[in-house]
Amino acid sequence: MISDKEIKKLAQLARLQLTEKELEKMKKELEQILNYVKKLKEINEKSLPNFEETSILKNVFREDKPREYKFFDTKVLITLAPEKEDNYFKVKQVIQKQ
């Protein structure tokens, strides 16, 4: 069993200010958690089947394939631009001068 002193110490470490009613509730909840952990410790994991052998899960992800990109000739793209200067697209200024 957990003592009141231990509960208060835990609350202090967690920087919680609990009322007496909250301390009692915390005590009950922590006891339940510790009892559950105690039950888990009693399980002999060697008697359990290997998860990897019993699992029906399979990889559902698609294969990772590189995409094929079609690159256009730069000269053709420049000729299609509404405005151009030398060998570049001409666009409006997006950075303001200060």
Protein backbone atom coordinates (compact mmCIF):
# COMPACT_ATOMS: atom_id res chain seq x y z
CA MET A 1 0.00 0.00 0.00
CA ILE A 2 1.06 3.54 -0.66
CA SER A 3 1.36 5.83 2.33
CA ASP A 4 -0.03 9.35 2.48
CA LYS A 5 3.52 10.61 2.88
CA GLU A 6 4.52 9.01 -0.46
CA ILE A 7 1.50 10.49 -2.23
CA LYS A 8 2.31 13.96 -0.87
CA LYS A 9 5.94 13.58 -1.97
CA LEU A 10 4.84 12.58 -5.49
CA ALA A 11 2.48 15.54 -5.64
CA GLN A 12 5.28 17.84 -4.51
CA LEU A 13 7.66 16.44 -7.14
CA ALA A 14 5.00 16.93 -9.81
CA ARG A 15 4.41 20.44 -8.46
CA LEU A 16 0.76 19.69 -7.80
CA GLN A 17 -1.21 21.29 -5.02
CA LEU A 18 -3.84 18.74 -4.11
CA THR A 19 -6.64 18.89 -1.57
CA GLU A 20 -7.13 16.04 0.91
CA LYS A 21 -9.96 14.70 -1.26
CA GLU A 22 -7.71 14.75 -4.33
CA LEU A 23 -4.93 13.05 -2.37
CA GLU A 24 -7.28 10.19 -1.44
CA LYS A 25 -8.40 9.83 -5.05
CA MET A 26 -4.78 9.86 -6.24
CA LYS A 27 -3.90 7.21 -3.67
CA LYS A 28 -6.65 4.87 -4.91
CA GLU A 29 -5.71 5.39 -8.56
CA LEU A 30 -2.00 4.81 -7.95
CA GLU A 31 -2.76 1.63 -6.00
CA GLN A 32 -4.82 0.35 -8.95
CA ILE A 33 -1.98 1.13 -11.36
CA LEU A 34 0.61 -0.58 -9.17
CA ASN A 35 -1.62 -3.65 -8.75
CA TYR A 36 -1.96 -3.87 -12.53
CA VAL A 37 1.82 -3.62 -12.98
CA LYS A 38 2.23 -6.34 -10.36
CA LYS A 39 -0.08 -8.60 -12.40
CA LEU A 40 1.91 -7.88 -15.54
CA LYS A 41 5.12 -8.90 -13.77
CA GLU A 42 3.57 -12.29 -12.98
CA ILE A 43 3.14 -13.15 -16.66
CA ASN A 44 5.63 -15.62 -18.02
CA GLU A 45 6.45 -14.08 -21.38
CA LYS A 46 8.22 -17.24 -22.54
CA SER A 47 4.88 -19.04 -22.59
CA LEU A 48 3.38 -16.45 -24.93
CA PRO A 49 3.57 -17.01 -28.70
CA ASN A 50 6.05 -14.95 -30.67
CA PHE A 51 4.23 -11.88 -31.98
CA GLU A 52 6.07 -11.89 -35.28
CA GLU A 53 4.95 -15.44 -35.99
CA THR A 54 1.31 -14.86 -35.07
CA SER A 55 0.85 -11.47 -36.68
CA ILE A 56 -1.37 -11.27 -39.76
CA LEU A 57 -0.21 -7.74 -40.51
CA LYS A 58 1.59 -7.19 -43.74
CA ASN A 59 3.33 -4.23 -45.27
CA VAL A 60 0.62 -2.16 -46.91
CA PHE A 61 2.83 0.58 -48.24
CA ARG A 62 3.43 0.97 -51.92
CA GLU A 63 6.82 0.44 -53.40
CA ASP A 64 8.86 3.59 -53.48
CA LYS A 65 9.54 4.26 -57.14
CA PRO A 66 11.14 7.40 -58.49
CA ARG A 67 8.86 9.61 -60.52
CA GLU A 68 9.62 10.26 -64.11
CA TYR A 69 9.91 13.95 -64.82
CA LYS A 70 9.69 15.37 -68.28
CA PHE A 71 12.08 18.23 -68.61
CA PHE A 72 11.40 20.83 -71.22
CA ASP A 73 13.93 22.60 -73.32
CA THR A 74 14.76 25.92 -71.64
CA LYS A 75 14.76 27.79 -74.91
CA VAL A 76 11.23 26.61 -75.69
CA LEU A 77 9.98 27.67 -72.27
CA ILE A 78 11.59 31.10 -72.55
CA THR A 79 9.89 31.68 -75.90
CA LEU A 80 6.52 30.87 -74.30
CA ALA A 81 7.01 33.39 -71.47
CA PRO A 82 4.87 36.55 -71.69
CA GLU A 83 7.89 38.70 -70.76
CA LYS A 84 11.55 37.78 -70.95
CA GLU A 85 14.93 39.42 -70.60
CA ASP A 86 18.05 37.77 -71.97
CA ASN A 87 17.58 34.10 -71.15
CA TYR A 88 15.33 34.60 -68.07
CA PHE A 89 11.65 35.07 -67.26
CA LYS A 90 10.83 38.65 -66.41
CA VAL A 91 8.50 38.94 -63.39
CA LYS A 92 7.24 41.66 -61.09
CA GLN A 93 9.40 42.55 -58.12
CA VAL A 94 8.23 40.67 -55.02
CA ILE A 95 10.67 42.12 -52.48
CA GLN A 96 10.11 45.71 -51.44
CA LYS A 97 13.01 48.09 -51.20
CA GLN A 98 13.41 49.93 -47.92
